[in-house]
Amino acid sequence: MYFLKKLFLVVLALALMLTGLWLVVANSHLVSLDFLFFKTAAANLGLVVLLAFAAGAGIGLLVGLNLLEILRLRNRLYWLKREVRQLQDALGDKH
């Protein structure tokens, strides 16, 4: 089962790389981007699209991982507060 999963991931990665290569080759027009304060040099349109996708995916991954960590910590805080309330109630009943 591990071998099939590994093979699937390798085939998927290869398919993504070939798709990216095809995107760069099929969109060979030169474009330059005008930002607010500067203009970029002319570059291949497919490469610009591919780099923009990779940058967006990387930023999204970093934000997503940070969000998951925040949710995990909130869940832990909830359970710790619940435990504190239970201990306070137990101490309050004895006195």
Protein backbone atom coordinates (compact mmCIF):
# COMPACT_ATOMS: atom_id res chain seq x y z
CA MET A 1 0.00 0.00 0.00
CA TYR A 2 2.87 2.37 0.83
CA PHE A 3 4.41 1.71 -2.59
CA LEU A 4 1.16 2.57 -4.38
CA LYS A 5 0.80 5.80 -2.43
CA LYS A 6 4.39 6.75 -3.19
CA LEU A 7 3.91 5.89 -6.88
CA PHE A 8 0.72 7.96 -7.02
CA LEU A 9 2.48 10.98 -5.52
CA VAL A 10 5.40 10.66 -7.95
CA VAL A 11 3.03 10.41 -10.93
CA LEU A 12 1.02 13.39 -9.64
CA ALA A 13 4.18 15.49 -9.18
CA LEU A 14 5.36 14.55 -12.67
CA ALA A 15 1.97 15.47 -14.16
CA LEU A 16 2.06 18.85 -12.40
CA MET A 17 5.59 19.53 -13.66
CA LEU A 18 4.63 18.62 -17.22
CA THR A 19 1.52 20.81 -17.00
CA GLY A 20 3.65 23.72 -15.83
CA LEU A 21 6.14 23.13 -18.65
CA TRP A 22 3.30 23.01 -21.18
CA LEU A 23 1.89 26.26 -19.76
CA VAL A 24 5.24 28.01 -20.27
CA VAL A 25 5.74 26.63 -23.79
CA ALA A 26 2.15 27.23 -24.98
CA ASN A 27 2.08 30.86 -23.74
CA SER A 28 5.28 32.20 -25.24
CA HIS A 29 4.14 35.83 -25.59
CA LEU A 30 6.31 38.39 -23.84
CA VAL A 31 4.63 40.59 -21.24
CA SER A 32 5.81 43.23 -18.81
CA LEU A 33 3.91 44.04 -15.65
CA ASP A 34 3.23 47.61 -14.53
CA PHE A 35 3.11 47.88 -10.78
CA LEU A 36 2.38 51.05 -8.87
CA PHE A 37 5.96 52.33 -8.70
CA PHE A 38 7.90 50.18 -11.16
CA LYS A 39 7.65 48.15 -14.36
CA THR A 40 9.11 44.68 -14.79
CA ALA A 41 11.22 43.53 -17.72
CA ALA A 42 9.54 41.54 -20.48
CA ALA A 43 9.07 37.89 -19.54
CA ASN A 44 7.32 34.81 -20.89
CA LEU A 45 3.58 34.93 -20.13
CA GLY A 46 3.45 31.26 -19.11
CA LEU A 47 6.34 31.77 -16.72
CA VAL A 48 4.66 34.83 -15.18
CA VAL A 49 1.43 32.88 -14.65
CA LEU A 50 3.32 29.88 -13.23
CA LEU A 51 5.33 32.05 -10.82
CA ALA A 52 2.20 33.91 -9.70
CA PHE A 53 0.46 30.59 -9.02
CA ALA A 54 3.46 29.24 -7.11
CA ALA A 55 3.74 32.43 -5.02
CA GLY A 56 0.01 32.34 -4.22
CA ALA A 57 0.14 28.66 -3.31
CA GLY A 58 3.16 29.20 -1.07
CA ILE A 59 1.59 32.15 0.72
CA GLY A 60 -1.69 30.25 1.09
CA LEU A 61 0.14 27.27 2.55
CA LEU A 62 1.96 29.41 5.10
CA VAL A 63 -1.24 31.20 6.13
CA GLY A 64 -3.13 27.90 6.30
CA LEU A 65 -0.54 26.25 8.50
CA ASN A 66 -0.54 29.24 10.83
CA LEU A 67 -4.34 29.16 10.99
CA LEU A 68 -4.32 25.47 11.88
CA GLU A 69 -1.88 26.17 14.73
CA ILE A 70 -4.14 28.95 16.06
CA LEU A 71 -7.18 26.65 15.97
CA ARG A 72 -5.25 23.92 17.78
CA LEU A 73 -4.21 26.36 20.50
CA ARG A 74 -7.77 27.68 20.90
CA ASN A 75 -9.03 24.13 21.32
CA ARG A 76 -6.40 23.45 23.98
CA LEU A 77 -7.32 26.72 25.77
CA TYR A 78 -11.01 25.71 25.78
CA TRP A 79 -10.26 22.36 27.42
CA LEU A 80 -7.87 23.91 29.96
CA LYS A 81 -10.47 26.52 30.95
CA ARG A 82 -13.02 23.75 31.35
CA GLU A 83 -10.64 21.82 33.60
CA VAL A 84 -10.00 24.95 35.71
CA ARG A 85 -13.76 25.46 36.14
CA GLN A 86 -14.18 21.85 37.22
CA LEU A 87 -11.36 22.16 39.75
CA GLN A 88 -12.77 25.42 41.09
CA ASP A 89 -16.20 23.83 41.47
CA ALA A 90 -14.63 20.86 43.27
CA LEU A 91 -12.76 23.17 45.66
CA GLY A 92 -15.86 25.30 46.22
CA ASP A 93 -17.94 22.28 47.25
CA LYS A 94 -15.44 21.29 49.98
CA HIS A 95 -15.43 24.64 51.79
